Amino acid sequence: MLKLKSNPTLSDFQKYVEELELERGFDDQSARDKCLLLGEEVGELFKAVRKSEGLKIDATSAFGSISGELADILIYICAIANRFGLDLEKSFRDKEEINKKRKWIKH
């Protein structure tokens, strides 16, 4: 049984997802497969937010809690990054350096 460190880094999450995919037999899914599954999870997150905000929802829709759906999304993001050999922490830091130089305005 896999165990995630008590205070995991983003790299630890990526490694954990890599191992869980092997253990559970999901390692043969392509990046495209993972992107499609990620899209489904984002939709489930939106439904959970709608429910939380008191908007009408289809009573037969299947979705979980906001926290559970966000966790599912993180798993798929790690899996997609792993498919492309990307270090998510480095990607985040690199992108944030670009974002820091942008000018943000209100319309």
PDB file of N, CA and C in Angstrom:
ATOM      1  N   MET A   1       0.849  -1.180   0.000  1.00  0.00           N
ATOM      2  CA  MET A   1       0.000   0.000   0.000  1.00  0.00           C
ATOM      3  C   MET A   1       0.889   1.237   0.000  1.00  0.00           C
ATOM      4  N   LEU A   2       0.580   2.157  -0.874  1.00  0.00           N
ATOM      5  CA  LEU A   2       1.347   3.395  -0.991  1.00  0.00           C
ATOM      6  C   LEU A   2       1.102   4.304   0.206  1.00  0.00           C
ATOM      7  N   LYS A   3       2.117   5.107   0.503  1.00  0.00           N
ATOM      8  CA  LYS A   3       1.968   6.092   1.569  1.00  0.00           C
ATOM      9  C   LYS A   3       2.638   7.385   1.124  1.00  0.00           C
ATOM     10  N   LEU A   4       1.895   8.479   1.226  1.00  0.00           N
ATOM     11  CA  LEU A   4       2.413   9.799   0.881  1.00  0.00           C
ATOM     12  C   LEU A   4       3.073  10.385   2.127  1.00  0.00           C
ATOM     13  N   LYS A   5       4.203  11.063   1.946  1.00  0.00           N
ATOM     14  CA  LYS A   5       4.900  11.704   3.060  1.00  0.00           C
ATOM     15  C   LYS A   5       3.976  12.646   3.825  1.00  0.00           C
ATOM     16  N   SER A   6       4.312  12.907   5.076  1.00  0.00           N
ATOM     17  CA  SER A   6       3.504  13.808   5.917  1.00  0.00           C
ATOM     18  C   SER A   6       3.472  15.232   5.385  1.00  0.00           C
ATOM     19  N   ASN A   7       4.587  15.731   4.928  1.00  0.00           N
ATOM     20  CA  ASN A   7       4.679  17.091   4.380  1.00  0.00           C
ATOM     21  C   ASN A   7       5.224  17.010   2.964  1.00  0.00           C
ATOM     22  N   PRO A   8       4.408  16.530   2.036  1.00  0.00           N
ATOM     23  CA  PRO A   8       4.916  16.275   0.678  1.00  0.00           C
ATOM     24  C   PRO A   8       5.188  17.546  -0.112  1.00  0.00           C
ATOM     25  N   THR A   9       6.194  17.455  -0.959  1.00  0.00           N
ATOM     26  CA  THR A   9       6.457  18.503  -1.944  1.00  0.00           C
ATOM     27  C   THR A   9       5.616  18.185  -3.174  1.00  0.00           C
ATOM     28  N   LEU A  10       5.589  19.095  -4.105  1.00  0.00           N
ATOM     29  CA  LEU A  10       4.881  18.830  -5.353  1.00  0.00           C
ATOM     30  C   LEU A  10       5.514  17.642  -6.071  1.00  0.00           C
ATOM     31  N   SER A  11       6.828  17.550  -5.997  1.00  0.00           N
ATOM     32  CA  SER A  11       7.542  16.417  -6.585  1.00  0.00           C
ATOM     33  C   SER A  11       7.112  15.103  -5.935  1.00  0.00           C
ATOM     34  N   ASP A  12       6.891  15.125  -4.626  1.00  0.00           N
ATOM     35  CA  ASP A  12       6.420  13.924  -3.922  1.00  0.00           C
ATOM     36  C   ASP A  12       5.039  13.510  -4.426  1.00  0.00           C
ATOM     37  N   PHE A  13       4.158  14.489  -4.672  1.00  0.00           N
ATOM     38  CA  PHE A  13       2.837  14.178  -5.221  1.00  0.00           C
ATOM     39  C   PHE A  13       2.970  13.526  -6.593  1.00  0.00           C
ATOM     40  N   GLN A  14       3.843  14.076  -7.427  1.00  0.00           N
ATOM     41  CA  GLN A  14       4.035  13.506  -8.767  1.00  0.00           C
ATOM     42  C   GLN A  14       4.532  12.064  -8.681  1.00  0.00           C
ATOM     43  N   LYS A  15       5.494  11.812  -7.818  1.00  0.00           N
ATOM     44  CA  LYS A  15       6.040  10.459  -7.667  1.00  0.00           C
ATOM     45  C   LYS A  15       4.962   9.521  -7.132  1.00  0.00           C
ATOM     46  N   TYR A  16       4.180   9.982  -6.168  1.00  0.00           N
ATOM     47  CA  TYR A  16       3.102   9.184  -5.599  1.00  0.00           C
ATOM     48  C   TYR A  16       2.092   8.799  -6.678  1.00  0.00           C
ATOM     49  N   VAL A  17       1.710   9.773  -7.505  1.00  0.00           N
ATOM     50  CA  VAL A  17       0.747   9.503  -8.580  1.00  0.00           C
ATOM     51  C   VAL A  17       1.332   8.496  -9.567  1.00  0.00           C
ATOM     52  N   GLU A  18       2.597   8.628  -9.881  1.00  0.00           N
ATOM     53  CA  GLU A  18       3.256   7.664 -10.771  1.00  0.00           C
ATOM     54  C   GLU A  18       3.160   6.249 -10.192  1.00  0.00           C
ATOM     55  N   GLU A  19       3.428   6.124  -8.915  1.00  0.00           N
ATOM     56  CA  GLU A  19       3.372   4.810  -8.259  1.00  0.00           C
ATOM     57  C   GLU A  19       1.950   4.287  -8.145  1.00  0.00           C
ATOM     58  N   LEU A  20       0.995   5.167  -7.832  1.00  0.00           N
ATOM     59  CA  LEU A  20      -0.395   4.701  -7.708  1.00  0.00           C
ATOM     60  C   LEU A  20      -0.947   4.242  -9.050  1.00  0.00           C
ATOM     61  N   GLU A  21      -0.524   4.910 -10.123  1.00  0.00           N
ATOM     62  CA  GLU A  21      -0.977   4.480 -11.451  1.00  0.00           C
ATOM     63  C   GLU A  21      -0.452   3.085 -11.789  1.00  0.00           C
ATOM     64  N   LEU A  22       0.786   2.832 -11.431  1.00  0.00           N
ATOM     65  CA  LEU A  22       1.346   1.487 -11.649  1.00  0.00           C
ATOM     66  C   LEU A  22       0.598   0.459 -10.813  1.00  0.00           C
ATOM     67  N   GLU A  23       0.397   0.766  -9.545  1.00  0.00           N
ATOM     68  CA  GLU A  23      -0.269  -0.154  -8.620  1.00  0.00           C
ATOM     69  C   GLU A  23      -1.710  -0.450  -9.033  1.00  0.00           C
ATOM     70  N   ARG A  24      -2.415   0.552  -9.553  1.00  0.00           N
ATOM     71  CA  ARG A  24      -3.834   0.413  -9.872  1.00  0.00           C
ATOM     72  C   ARG A  24      -4.099   0.118 -11.343  1.00  0.00           C
ATOM     73  N   GLY A  25      -3.025   0.026 -12.150  1.00  0.00           N
ATOM     74  CA  GLY A  25      -3.176  -0.348 -13.546  1.00  0.00           C
ATOM     75  C   GLY A  25      -3.607   0.770 -14.474  1.00  0.00           C
ATOM     76  N   PHE A  26      -3.316   2.023 -14.109  1.00  0.00           N
ATOM     77  CA  PHE A  26      -3.676   3.159 -14.950  1.00  0.00           C
ATOM     78  C   PHE A  26      -2.500   3.701 -15.744  1.00  0.00           C
ATOM     79  N   ASP A  27      -1.356   3.076 -15.655  1.00  0.00           N
ATOM     80  CA  ASP A  27      -0.142   3.592 -16.291  1.00  0.00           C
ATOM     81  C   ASP A  27      -0.163   3.480 -17.809  1.00  0.00           C
ATOM     82  N   ASP A  28      -1.115   2.721 -18.363  1.00  0.00           N
ATOM     83  CA  ASP A  28      -1.187   2.581 -19.819  1.00  0.00           C
ATOM     84  C   ASP A  28      -2.068   3.649 -20.476  1.00  0.00           C
ATOM     85  N   GLN A  29      -2.658   4.530 -19.674  1.00  0.00           N
ATOM     86  CA  GLN A  29      -3.500   5.587 -20.227  1.00  0.00           C
ATOM     87  C   GLN A  29      -2.624   6.701 -20.800  1.00  0.00           C
ATOM     88  N   SER A  30      -3.017   7.205 -21.949  1.00  0.00           N
ATOM     89  CA  SER A  30      -2.244   8.250 -22.633  1.00  0.00           C
ATOM     90  C   SER A  30      -2.494   9.618 -22.011  1.00  0.00           C
ATOM     91  N   ALA A  31      -1.697  10.581 -22.423  1.00  0.00           N
ATOM     92  CA  ALA A  31      -1.906  11.965 -21.992  1.00  0.00           C
ATOM     93  C   ALA A  31      -3.297  12.434 -22.434  1.00  0.00           C
ATOM     94  N   ARG A  32      -3.707  12.040 -23.636  1.00  0.00           N
ATOM     95  CA  ARG A  32      -5.048  12.406 -24.118  1.00  0.00           C
ATOM     96  C   ARG A  32      -6.117  11.832 -23.195  1.00  0.00           C
ATOM     97  N   ASP A  33      -5.956  10.567 -22.812  1.00  0.00           N
ATOM     98  CA  ASP A  33      -6.908   9.942 -21.893  1.00  0.00           C
ATOM     99  C   ASP A  33      -6.994  10.728 -20.591  1.00  0.00           C
ATOM    100  N   LYS A  34      -5.834  11.093 -20.076  1.00  0.00           N
ATOM    101  CA  LYS A  34      -5.786  11.822 -18.801  1.00  0.00           C
ATOM    102  C   LYS A  34      -6.423  13.203 -18.941  1.00  0.00           C
ATOM    103  N   CYS A  35      -6.212  13.860 -20.067  1.00  0.00           N
ATOM    104  CA  CYS A  35      -6.831  15.171 -20.292  1.00  0.00           C
ATOM    105  C   CYS A  35      -8.350  15.057 -20.332  1.00  0.00           C
ATOM    106  N   LEU A  36      -8.864  14.038 -20.981  1.00  0.00           N
ATOM    107  CA  LEU A  36     -10.312  13.843 -21.028  1.00  0.00           C
ATOM    108  C   LEU A  36     -10.868  13.567 -19.639  1.00  0.00           C
ATOM    109  N   LEU A  37     -10.161  12.747 -18.866  1.00  0.00           N
ATOM    110  CA  LEU A  37     -10.591  12.460 -17.497  1.00  0.00           C
ATOM    111  C   LEU A  37     -10.511  13.709 -16.626  1.00  0.00           C
ATOM    112  N   LEU A  38      -9.485  14.524 -16.837  1.00  0.00           N
ATOM    113  CA  LEU A  38      -9.363  15.785 -16.109  1.00  0.00           C
ATOM    114  C   LEU A  38     -10.568  16.676 -16.400  1.00  0.00           C
ATOM    115  N   GLY A  39     -10.968  16.747 -17.667  1.00  0.00           N
ATOM    116  CA  GLY A  39     -12.137  17.544 -18.036  1.00  0.00           C
ATOM    117  C   GLY A  39     -13.393  17.096 -17.302  1.00  0.00           C
ATOM    118  N   GLU A  40     -13.567  15.790 -17.170  1.00  0.00           N
ATOM    119  CA  GLU A  40     -14.717  15.261 -16.428  1.00  0.00           C
ATOM    120  C   GLU A  40     -14.662  15.703 -14.971  1.00  0.00           C
ATOM    121  N   GLU A  41     -13.476  15.643 -14.386  1.00  0.00           N
ATOM    122  CA  GLU A  41     -13.320  16.037 -12.984  1.00  0.00           C
ATOM    123  C   GLU A  41     -13.587  17.524 -12.788  1.00  0.00           C
ATOM    124  N   VAL A  42     -13.171  18.350 -13.739  1.00  0.00           N
ATOM    125  CA  VAL A  42     -13.449  19.789 -13.648  1.00  0.00           C
ATOM    126  C   VAL A  42     -14.958  20.010 -13.666  1.00  0.00           C
ATOM    127  N   GLY A  43     -15.667  19.277 -14.510  1.00  0.00           N
ATOM    128  CA  GLY A  43     -17.124  19.375 -14.532  1.00  0.00           C
ATOM    129  C   GLY A  43     -17.739  18.977 -13.197  1.00  0.00           C
ATOM    130  N   GLU A  44     -17.195  17.931 -12.575  1.00  0.00           N
ATOM    131  CA  GLU A  44     -17.699  17.507 -11.266  1.00  0.00           C
ATOM    132  C   GLU A  44     -17.401  18.564 -10.202  1.00  0.00           C
ATOM    133  N   LEU A  45     -16.240  19.219 -10.311  1.00  0.00           N
ATOM    134  CA  LEU A  45     -15.932  20.321  -9.395  1.00  0.00           C
ATOM    135  C   LEU A  45     -16.959  21.435  -9.555  1.00  0.00           C
ATOM    136  N   PHE A  46     -17.273  21.784 -10.793  1.00  0.00           N
ATOM    137  CA  PHE A  46     -18.250  22.846 -11.037  1.00  0.00           C
ATOM    138  C   PHE A  46     -19.603  22.492 -10.422  1.00  0.00           C
ATOM    139  N   LYS A  47     -20.011  21.235 -10.542  1.00  0.00           N
ATOM    140  CA  LYS A  47     -21.278  20.817  -9.935  1.00  0.00           C
ATOM    141  C   LYS A  47     -21.221  20.933  -8.418  1.00  0.00           C
ATOM    142  N   ALA A  48     -20.100  20.551  -7.831  1.00  0.00           N
ATOM    143  CA  ALA A  48     -19.950  20.649  -6.379  1.00  0.00           C
ATOM    144  C   ALA A  48     -19.997  22.110  -5.931  1.00  0.00           C
ATOM    145  N   VAL A  49     -19.385  23.008  -6.707  1.00  0.00           N
ATOM    146  CA  VAL A  49     -19.417  24.435  -6.382  1.00  0.00           C
ATOM    147  C   VAL A  49     -20.846  24.954  -6.533  1.00  0.00           C
ATOM    148  N   ARG A  50     -21.517  24.543  -7.598  1.00  0.00           N
ATOM    149  CA  ARG A  50     -22.916  24.963  -7.785  1.00  0.00           C
ATOM    150  C   ARG A  50     -23.756  24.563  -6.582  1.00  0.00           C
ATOM    151  N   LYS A  51     -23.594  23.330  -6.136  1.00  0.00           N
ATOM    152  CA  LYS A  51     -24.354  22.848  -4.978  1.00  0.00           C
ATOM    153  C   LYS A  51     -24.007  23.691  -3.752  1.00  0.00           C
ATOM    154  N   SER A  52     -22.725  23.946  -3.542  1.00  0.00           N
ATOM    155  CA  SER A  52     -22.271  24.723  -2.393  1.00  0.00           C
ATOM    156  C   SER A  52     -22.825  26.146  -2.408  1.00  0.00           C
ATOM    157  N   GLU A  53     -22.984  26.698  -3.612  1.00  0.00           N
ATOM    158  CA  GLU A  53     -23.482  28.064  -3.771  1.00  0.00           C
ATOM    159  C   GLU A  53     -25.002  28.140  -3.804  1.00  0.00           C
ATOM    160  N   GLY A  54     -25.661  27.002  -3.674  1.00  0.00           N
ATOM    161  CA  GLY A  54     -27.115  26.987  -3.624  1.00  0.00           C
ATOM    162  C   GLY A  54     -27.801  27.068  -4.969  1.00  0.00           C
ATOM    163  N   LEU A  55     -27.061  26.796  -6.055  1.00  0.00           N
ATOM    164  CA  LEU A  55     -27.673  26.791  -7.380  1.00  0.00           C
ATOM    165  C   LEU A  55     -28.368  25.457  -7.617  1.00  0.00           C
ATOM    166  N   LYS A  56     -29.334  25.465  -8.507  1.00  0.00           N
ATOM    167  CA  LYS A  56     -30.037  24.229  -8.825  1.00  0.00           C
ATOM    168  C   LYS A  56     -29.097  23.258  -9.516  1.00  0.00           C
ATOM    169  N   ILE A  57     -29.232  21.979  -9.147  1.00  0.00           N
ATOM    170  CA  ILE A  57     -28.434  20.916  -9.755  1.00  0.00           C
ATOM    171  C   ILE A  57     -29.338  19.739 -10.076  1.00  0.00           C
ATOM    172  N   ASP A  58     -28.904  18.913 -10.999  1.00  0.00           N
ATOM    173  CA  ASP A  58     -29.620  17.692 -11.341  1.00  0.00           C
ATOM    174  C   ASP A  58     -29.457  16.712 -10.185  1.00  0.00           C
ATOM    175  N   ALA A  59     -30.549  16.292  -9.611  1.00  0.00           N
ATOM    176  CA  ALA A  59     -30.512  15.399  -8.452  1.00  0.00           C
ATOM    177  C   ALA A  59     -29.860  14.059  -8.763  1.00  0.00           C
ATOM    178  N   THR A  60     -29.799  13.686 -10.036  1.00  0.00           N
ATOM    179  CA  THR A  60     -29.208  12.393 -10.401  1.00  0.00           C
ATOM    180  C   THR A  60     -27.728  12.499 -10.768  1.00  0.00           C
ATOM    181  N   SER A  61     -27.171  13.719 -10.752  1.00  0.00           N
ATOM    182  CA  SER A  61     -25.762  13.908 -11.099  1.00  0.00           C
ATOM    183  C   SER A  61     -24.858  13.298 -10.033  1.00  0.00           C
ATOM    184  N   ALA A  62     -23.784  12.683 -10.496  1.00  0.00           N
ATOM    185  CA  ALA A  62     -22.804  12.100  -9.576  1.00  0.00           C
ATOM    186  C   ALA A  62     -21.602  13.031  -9.454  1.00  0.00           C
ATOM    187  N   PHE A  63     -21.328  13.456  -8.241  1.00  0.00           N
ATOM    188  CA  PHE A  63     -20.146  14.261  -7.960  1.00  0.00           C
ATOM    189  C   PHE A  63     -19.922  14.241  -6.463  1.00  0.00           C
ATOM    190  N   GLY A  64     -18.742  14.611  -6.052  1.00  0.00           N
ATOM    191  CA  GLY A  64     -18.407  14.588  -4.642  1.00  0.00           C
ATOM    192  C   GLY A  64     -18.304  15.980  -4.054  1.00  0.00           C
ATOM    193  N   SER A  65     -17.469  16.081  -3.053  1.00  0.00           N
ATOM    194  CA  SER A  65     -17.245  17.354  -2.378  1.00  0.00           C
ATOM    195  C   SER A  65     -16.258  18.201  -3.179  1.00  0.00           C
ATOM    196  N   ILE A  66     -16.233  19.488  -2.896  1.00  0.00           N
ATOM    197  CA  ILE A  66     -15.264  20.368  -3.553  1.00  0.00           C
ATOM    198  C   ILE A  66     -13.856  19.871  -3.274  1.00  0.00           C
ATOM    199  N   SER A  67     -13.553  19.525  -2.029  1.00  0.00           N
ATOM    200  CA  SER A  67     -12.196  19.065  -1.696  1.00  0.00           C
ATOM    201  C   SER A  67     -11.852  17.772  -2.421  1.00  0.00           C
ATOM    202  N   GLY A  68     -12.790  16.863  -2.510  1.00  0.00           N
ATOM    203  CA  GLY A  68     -12.539  15.605  -3.215  1.00  0.00           C
ATOM    204  C   GLY A  68     -12.312  15.809  -4.700  1.00  0.00           C
ATOM    205  N   GLU A  69     -13.100  16.694  -5.298  1.00  0.00           N
ATOM    206  CA  GLU A  69     -12.943  16.953  -6.734  1.00  0.00           C
ATOM    207  C   GLU A  69     -11.619  17.665  -7.015  1.00  0.00           C
ATOM    208  N   LEU A  70     -11.227  18.597  -6.136  1.00  0.00           N
ATOM    209  CA  LEU A  70      -9.926  19.253  -6.305  1.00  0.00           C
ATOM    210  C   LEU A  70      -8.784  18.242  -6.187  1.00  0.00           C
ATOM    211  N   ALA A  71      -8.921  17.293  -5.265  1.00  0.00           N
ATOM    212  CA  ALA A  71      -7.897  16.250  -5.129  1.00  0.00           C
ATOM    213  C   ALA A  71      -7.815  15.412  -6.401  1.00  0.00           C
ATOM    214  N   ASP A  72      -8.965  15.047  -6.972  1.00  0.00           N
ATOM    215  CA  ASP A  72      -8.969  14.295  -8.228  1.00  0.00           C
ATOM    216  C   ASP A  72      -8.273  15.086  -9.336  1.00  0.00           C
ATOM    217  N   ILE A  73      -8.536  16.382  -9.383  1.00  0.00           N
ATOM    218  CA  ILE A  73      -7.921  17.238 -10.404  1.00  0.00           C
ATOM    219  C   ILE A  73      -6.407  17.272 -10.223  1.00  0.00           C
ATOM    220  N   LEU A  74      -5.947  17.382  -8.988  1.00  0.00           N
ATOM    221  CA  LEU A  74      -4.509  17.380  -8.725  1.00  0.00           C
ATOM    222  C   LEU A  74      -3.872  16.072  -9.180  1.00  0.00           C
ATOM    223  N   ILE A  75      -4.546  14.966  -8.942  1.00  0.00           N
ATOM    224  CA  ILE A  75      -4.034  13.664  -9.383  1.00  0.00           C
ATOM    225  C   ILE A  75      -3.867  13.654 -10.901  1.00  0.00           C
ATOM    226  N   TYR A  76      -4.884  14.116 -11.617  1.00  0.00           N
ATOM    227  CA  TYR A  76      -4.793  14.114 -13.081  1.00  0.00           C
ATOM    228  C   TYR A  76      -3.749  15.097 -13.591  1.00  0.00           C
ATOM    229  N   ILE A  77      -3.610  16.240 -12.945  1.00  0.00           N
ATOM    230  CA  ILE A  77      -2.577  17.188 -13.359  1.00  0.00           C
ATOM    231  C   ILE A  77      -1.192  16.566 -13.180  1.00  0.00           C
ATOM    232  N   CYS A  78      -0.982  15.898 -12.051  1.00  0.00           N
ATOM    233  CA  CYS A  78       0.299  15.209 -11.839  1.00  0.00           C
ATOM    234  C   CYS A  78       0.512  14.131 -12.895  1.00  0.00           C
ATOM    235  N   ALA A  79      -0.515  13.371 -13.202  1.00  0.00           N
ATOM    236  CA  ALA A  79      -0.406  12.295 -14.191  1.00  0.00           C
ATOM    237  C   ALA A  79      -0.056  12.851 -15.573  1.00  0.00           C
ATOM    238  N   ILE A  80      -0.675  13.951 -15.950  1.00  0.00           N
ATOM    239  CA  ILE A  80      -0.384  14.561 -17.252  1.00  0.00           C
ATOM    240  C   ILE A  80       1.052  15.071 -17.284  1.00  0.00           C
ATOM    241  N   ALA A  81       1.462  15.752 -16.232  1.00  0.00           N
ATOM    242  CA  ALA A  81       2.850  16.234 -16.161  1.00  0.00           C
ATOM    243  C   ALA A  81       3.821  15.062 -16.254  1.00  0.00           C
ATOM    244  N   ASN A  82       3.510  13.974 -15.582  1.00  0.00           N
ATOM    245  CA  ASN A  82       4.373  12.788 -15.620  1.00  0.00           C
ATOM    246  C   ASN A  82       4.471  12.219 -17.031  1.00  0.00           C
ATOM    247  N   ARG A  83       3.364  12.264 -17.780  1.00  0.00           N
ATOM    248  CA  ARG A  83       3.384  11.736 -19.146  1.00  0.00           C
ATOM    249  C   ARG A  83       4.374  12.498 -20.032  1.00  0.00           C
ATOM    250  N   PHE A  84       4.574  13.781 -19.712  1.00  0.00           N
ATOM    251  CA  PHE A  84       5.467  14.615 -20.517  1.00  0.00           C
ATOM    252  C   PHE A  84       6.825  14.849 -19.852  1.00  0.00           C
ATOM    253  N   GLY A  85       7.055  14.181 -18.733  1.00  0.00           N
ATOM    254  CA  GLY A  85       8.331  14.317 -18.048  1.00  0.00           C
ATOM    255  C   GLY A  85       8.559  15.707 -17.472  1.00  0.00           C
ATOM    256  N   LEU A  86       7.483  16.375 -17.077  1.00  0.00           N
ATOM    257  CA  LEU A  86       7.584  17.734 -16.557  1.00  0.00           C
ATOM    258  C   LEU A  86       7.672  17.742 -15.037  1.00  0.00           C
ATOM    259  N   ASP A  87       8.465  18.644 -14.522  1.00  0.00           N
ATOM    260  CA  ASP A  87       8.559  18.902 -13.094  1.00  0.00           C
ATOM    261  C   ASP A  87       7.579  20.039 -12.805  1.00  0.00           C
ATOM    262  N   LEU A  88       6.459  19.727 -12.142  1.00  0.00           N
ATOM    263  CA  LEU A  88       5.418  20.734 -11.925  1.00  0.00           C
ATOM    264  C   LEU A  88       5.903  21.906 -11.087  1.00  0.00           C
ATOM    265  N   GLU A  89       6.745  21.650 -10.110  1.00  0.00           N
ATOM    266  CA  GLU A  89       7.236  22.759  -9.299  1.00  0.00           C
ATOM    267  C   GLU A  89       8.046  23.721 -10.157  1.00  0.00           C
ATOM    268  N   LYS A  90       8.932  23.198 -10.989  1.00  0.00           N
ATOM    269  CA  LYS A  90       9.722  24.047 -11.880  1.00  0.00           C
ATOM    270  C   LYS A  90       8.799  24.779 -12.853  1.00  0.00           C
ATOM    271  N   SER A  91       7.821  24.069 -13.402  1.00  0.00           N
ATOM    272  CA  SER A  91       6.869  24.698 -14.321  1.00  0.00           C
ATOM    273  C   SER A  91       6.132  25.847 -13.645  1.00  0.00           C
ATOM    274  N   PHE A  92       5.711  25.623 -12.413  1.00  0.00           N
ATOM    275  CA  PHE A  92       4.999  26.654 -11.659  1.00  0.00           C
ATOM    276  C   PHE A  92       5.897  27.863 -11.427  1.00  0.00           C
ATOM    277  N   ARG A  93       7.106  27.605 -10.962  1.00  0.00           N
ATOM    278  CA  ARG A  93       8.036  28.710 -10.679  1.00  0.00           C
ATOM    279  C   ARG A  93       8.379  29.497 -11.956  1.00  0.00           C
ATOM    280  N   ASP A  94       8.633  28.778 -13.047  1.00  0.00           N
ATOM    281  CA  ASP A  94       8.947  29.443 -14.315  1.00  0.00           C
ATOM    282  C   ASP A  94       7.781  30.313 -14.777  1.00  0.00           C
ATOM    283  N   LYS A  95       6.574  29.783 -14.711  1.00  0.00           N
ATOM    284  CA  LYS A  95       5.393  30.528 -15.153  1.00  0.00           C
ATOM    285  C   LYS A  95       5.131  31.726 -14.246  1.00  0.00           C
ATOM    286  N   GLU A  96       5.356  31.549 -12.954  1.00  0.00           N
ATOM    287  CA  GLU A  96       5.121  32.652 -12.028  1.00  0.00           C
ATOM    288  C   GLU A  96       6.105  33.795 -12.262  1.00  0.00           C
ATOM    289  N   GLU A  97       7.325  33.490 -12.685  1.00  0.00           N
ATOM    290  CA  GLU A  97       8.279  34.545 -13.027  1.00  0.00           C
ATOM    291  C   GLU A  97       7.766  35.361 -14.217  1.00  0.00           C
ATOM    292  N   ILE A  98       7.140  34.697 -15.175  1.00  0.00           N
ATOM    293  CA  ILE A  98       6.519  35.396 -16.316  1.00  0.00           C
ATOM    294  C   ILE A  98       5.344  36.240 -15.830  1.00  0.00           C
ATOM    295  N   ASN A  99       4.505  35.650 -14.983  1.00  0.00           N
ATOM    296  CA  ASN A  99       3.319  36.358 -14.485  1.00  0.00           C
ATOM    297  C   ASN A  99       3.679  37.590 -13.674  1.00  0.00           C
ATOM    298  N   LYS A 100       4.778  37.529 -12.930  1.00  0.00           N
ATOM    299  CA  LYS A 100       5.201  38.673 -12.109  1.00  0.00           C
ATOM    300  C   LYS A 100       5.514  39.893 -12.961  1.00  0.00           C
ATOM    301  N   LYS A 101       5.891  39.690 -14.201  1.00  0.00           N
ATOM    302  CA  LYS A 101       6.261  40.788 -15.094  1.00  0.00           C
ATOM    303  C   LYS A 101       5.067  41.344 -15.866  1.00  0.00           C
ATOM    304  N   ARG A 102       3.923  40.685 -15.760  1.00  0.00           N
ATOM    305  CA  ARG A 102       2.748  41.141 -16.484  1.00  0.00           C
ATOM    306  C   ARG A 102       2.099  42.313 -15.759  1.00  0.00           C
ATOM    307  N   LYS A 103       1.406  43.115 -16.502  1.00  0.00           N
ATOM    308  CA  LYS A 103       0.677  44.258 -15.946  1.00  0.00           C
ATOM    309  C   LYS A 103      -0.798  43.883 -15.901  1.00  0.00           C
ATOM    310  N   TRP A 104      -1.377  43.950 -14.728  1.00  0.00           N
ATOM    311  CA  TRP A 104      -2.775  43.576 -14.536  1.00  0.00           C
ATOM    312  C   TRP A 104      -3.609  44.843 -14.371  1.00  0.00           C
ATOM    313  N   ILE A 105      -4.656  44.973 -15.154  1.00  0.00           N
ATOM    314  CA  ILE A 105      -5.520  46.156 -15.090  1.00  0.00           C
ATOM    315  C   ILE A 105      -6.977  45.721 -14.963  1.00  0.00           C
ATOM    316  N   LYS A 106      -7.779  46.606 -14.386  1.00  0.00           N
ATOM    317  CA  LYS A 106      -9.220  46.388 -14.306  1.00  0.00           C
ATOM    318  C   LYS A 106      -9.878  47.131 -15.451  1.00  0.00           C
ATOM    319  N   HIS A 107     -10.928  46.577 -15.982  1.00  0.00           N
ATOM    320  CA  HIS A 107     -11.686  47.253 -17.039  1.00  0.00           C
ATOM    321  C   HIS A 107     -12.938  47.839 -16.477  1.00  0.00           C
TER     322      HIS A 107
END
